[in-house]
Amino acid sequence: MIDLGISKLALIGVVALIVIGPEKLPRVARMAGTLLGRAQRYINEVKSEVSREIELEELRKMQKDVQEAAHNVEQTIHQTWSEAEQGMRSLEQETSSALLHTATPEQLSVKVKDFRRKKLARTSAVPAWYKNRSGQRQRVISGAARMARHRVNTRSGSSFF
């Protein structure tokens, strides 16, 4: 900027007094003051507009960053949701295939019998080869089961009379 000291301002005032004259000097000084004030206001307005534009640009940039972050979060949520949905579908398919391959009641009874026989063989203190040799029973059967095995099938539902 222009460096104006007191001595330079005094020199400008003396030259103006000589050139303009003492009668017109106050009017010219007022006019120069108003023009200087207008110029300062104009400069301040330009500065404020520039600062508003800079702030506005920063806000636009910030808005763009926030929108990108929101979009990334939305994509992440959508991706996680689709992965979870896919996992649920695969789990549902595995469950439905497992339900289709469930054992029939006959197969379950065979499994139960095998489990009981294996458990008895593990918990019994007498080895199986000794049981086979000595004629001991290898399977434990309840009395009701033995009776059902040896029961003669009679006609039920026919009256005695």
Protein backbone atom coordinates (compact mmCIF):
# COMPACT_ATOMS: atom_id res chain seq x y z
CA MET A 1 0.00 0.00 0.00
CA ILE A 2 0.97 3.62 -0.16
CA ASP A 3 3.05 4.68 2.81
CA LEU A 4 1.85 8.12 3.87
CA GLY A 5 3.46 9.66 6.89
CA ILE A 6 2.62 12.98 8.61
CA SER A 7 5.27 14.86 6.66
CA LYS A 8 3.95 13.63 3.31
CA LEU A 9 0.35 14.50 4.27
CA ALA A 10 1.46 18.00 5.29
CA LEU A 11 3.24 18.45 1.96
CA ILE A 12 0.11 17.31 0.06
CA GLY A 13 -2.03 19.76 2.13
CA VAL A 14 0.28 22.70 1.38
CA VAL A 15 0.30 21.92 -2.37
CA ALA A 16 -3.51 21.57 -2.36
CA LEU A 17 -3.87 24.87 -0.52
CA ILE A 18 -1.70 26.62 -3.09
CA VAL A 19 -3.30 24.96 -6.16
CA ILE A 20 -6.96 24.95 -5.10
CA GLY A 21 -7.03 28.04 -2.98
CA PRO A 22 -8.32 28.71 0.52
CA GLU A 23 -11.96 29.23 -0.53
CA LYS A 24 -12.48 25.88 -2.29
CA LEU A 25 -10.23 23.78 -0.06
CA PRO A 26 -12.87 22.82 2.58
CA ARG A 27 -15.34 21.70 -0.12
CA VAL A 28 -12.67 19.66 -1.91
CA ALA A 29 -11.56 18.14 1.40
CA ARG A 30 -15.17 17.10 2.18
CA MET A 31 -15.56 15.62 -1.26
CA ALA A 32 -12.23 13.79 -0.94
CA GLY A 33 -13.34 12.45 2.50
CA THR A 34 -16.67 11.20 1.12
CA LEU A 35 -14.95 9.58 -1.86
CA LEU A 36 -12.38 8.00 0.44
CA GLY A 37 -15.22 6.70 2.69
CA ARG A 38 -17.06 5.26 -0.32
CA ALA A 39 -13.87 3.61 -1.53
CA GLN A 40 -13.29 2.08 1.92
CA ARG A 41 -16.90 0.80 2.11
CA TYR A 42 -16.58 -0.65 -1.40
CA ILE A 43 -13.30 -2.37 -0.46
CA ASN A 44 -14.90 -3.75 2.73
CA GLU A 45 -17.90 -5.05 0.73
CA VAL A 46 -15.58 -6.75 -1.76
CA LYS A 47 -13.60 -8.30 1.10
CA SER A 48 -16.78 -9.58 2.78
CA GLU A 49 -18.08 -11.02 -0.52
CA VAL A 50 -14.77 -12.77 -1.12
CA SER A 51 -14.79 -14.19 2.41
CA ARG A 52 -18.45 -15.31 1.97
CA GLU A 53 -17.55 -17.01 -1.31
CA ILE A 54 -14.61 -18.75 0.35
CA GLU A 55 -16.85 -19.89 3.23
CA LEU A 56 -19.52 -20.98 0.77
CA GLU A 57 -16.96 -22.98 -1.19
CA GLU A 58 -15.74 -24.58 2.04
CA LEU A 59 -19.34 -25.41 2.97
CA ARG A 60 -19.93 -26.94 -0.46
CA LYS A 61 -16.79 -29.01 -0.09
CA MET A 62 -17.85 -30.05 3.41
CA GLN A 63 -21.34 -30.92 2.12
CA LYS A 64 -19.82 -33.02 -0.64
CA ASP A 65 -17.62 -34.86 1.89
CA VAL A 66 -20.60 -35.50 4.16
CA GLN A 67 -22.66 -36.78 1.22
CA GLU A 68 -19.84 -39.11 0.19
CA ALA A 69 -19.52 -40.38 3.76
CA ALA A 70 -23.29 -40.94 3.97
CA HIS A 71 -23.22 -42.76 0.64
CA ASN A 72 -20.35 -44.96 1.85
CA VAL A 73 -22.23 -45.76 5.07
CA GLU A 74 -25.35 -46.56 3.07
CA GLN A 75 -23.38 -48.89 0.79
CA THR A 76 -21.77 -50.59 3.78
CA ILE A 77 -25.14 -51.10 5.45
CA HIS A 78 -26.65 -52.40 2.21
CA GLN A 79 -23.72 -54.76 1.69
CA THR A 80 -23.91 -56.03 5.28
CA TRP A 81 -27.66 -56.47 4.95
CA SER A 82 -27.31 -58.43 1.72
CA GLU A 83 -24.59 -60.63 3.27
CA ALA A 84 -26.80 -61.31 6.28
CA GLU A 85 -29.76 -62.02 4.02
CA GLN A 86 -27.65 -64.38 1.93
CA GLY A 87 -26.44 -66.12 5.10
CA MET A 88 -30.03 -66.53 6.27
CA ARG A 89 -31.03 -67.98 2.90
CA SER A 90 -28.16 -70.47 2.96
CA LEU A 91 -29.05 -71.40 6.55
CA GLU A 92 -32.67 -71.84 5.49
CA GLN A 93 -31.60 -74.05 2.59
CA GLU A 94 -29.40 -76.13 4.88
CA THR A 95 -32.23 -76.46 7.37
CA SER A 96 -34.75 -77.42 4.70
CA SER A 97 -32.33 -79.95 3.21
CA ALA A 98 -31.69 -81.32 6.71
CA LEU A 99 -35.44 -81.61 7.28
CA LEU A 100 -35.83 -83.43 3.99
CA HIS A 101 -33.14 -85.90 4.97
CA THR A 102 -34.55 -86.65 8.42
CA ALA A 103 -34.69 -90.23 9.43
CA THR A 104 -37.88 -92.24 9.34
CA PRO A 105 -39.24 -93.71 12.60
CA GLU A 106 -37.81 -97.12 11.70
CA GLN A 107 -34.37 -95.63 11.18
CA LEU A 108 -34.66 -93.77 14.47
CA SER A 109 -35.59 -96.94 16.35
CA VAL A 110 -32.58 -98.71 14.83
CA LYS A 111 -30.34 -95.83 15.90
CA VAL A 112 -31.78 -95.89 19.41
CA LYS A 113 -31.19 -99.64 19.69
CA ASP A 114 -27.64 -99.30 18.40
CA PHE A 115 -26.96 -96.49 20.86
CA ARG A 116 -28.27 -98.52 23.78
CA ARG A 117 -26.29 -101.60 22.72
CA LYS A 118 -23.08 -99.57 22.33
CA LYS A 119 -23.64 -97.84 25.67
CA LEU A 120 -24.25 -101.14 27.40
CA ALA A 121 -21.14 -102.62 25.77
CA ARG A 122 -19.05 -99.68 26.98
CA THR A 123 -20.40 -99.65 30.51
CA SER A 124 -20.46 -103.41 31.03
CA ALA A 125 -17.53 -104.92 32.91
CA VAL A 126 -17.81 -108.30 31.16
CA PRO A 127 -16.21 -108.43 27.69
CA ALA A 128 -18.39 -109.31 24.71
CA TRP A 129 -16.25 -112.35 23.73
CA TYR A 130 -16.87 -113.82 27.18
CA LYS A 131 -20.59 -113.19 26.91
CA ASN A 132 -20.67 -114.93 23.53
CA ARG A 133 -18.71 -117.86 24.86
CA SER A 134 -20.60 -118.33 28.07
CA GLY A 135 -24.05 -117.82 26.59
CA GLN A 136 -24.95 -114.75 28.54
CA ARG A 137 -27.39 -112.35 27.03
CA GLN A 138 -25.79 -109.52 25.16
CA ARG A 139 -28.91 -107.39 24.98
CA VAL A 140 -31.04 -106.45 27.91
CA ILE A 141 -34.73 -106.67 27.18
CA SER A 142 -37.47 -105.63 29.53
CA GLY A 143 -40.10 -108.11 30.67
CA ALA A 144 -42.81 -106.41 28.66
CA ALA A 145 -40.69 -106.59 25.51
CA ARG A 146 -40.04 -110.31 26.11
CA MET A 147 -43.75 -110.96 26.61
CA ALA A 148 -44.56 -109.04 23.43
CA ARG A 149 -42.02 -111.11 21.48
CA HIS A 150 -43.38 -114.48 22.62
CA ARG A 151 -47.08 -113.55 22.71
CA VAL A 152 -49.29 -115.46 20.35
CA ASN A 153 -51.33 -113.22 18.15
CA THR A 154 -54.93 -113.76 18.99
CA ARG A 155 -57.86 -112.14 17.42
CA SER A 156 -58.72 -109.13 19.38
CA GLY A 157 -62.13 -107.67 19.05
CA SER A 158 -63.93 -111.00 18.70
CA SER A 159 -66.31 -111.62 21.51
CA PHE A 160 -66.31 -114.71 23.66
CA PHE A 161 -70.03 -115.29 23.13
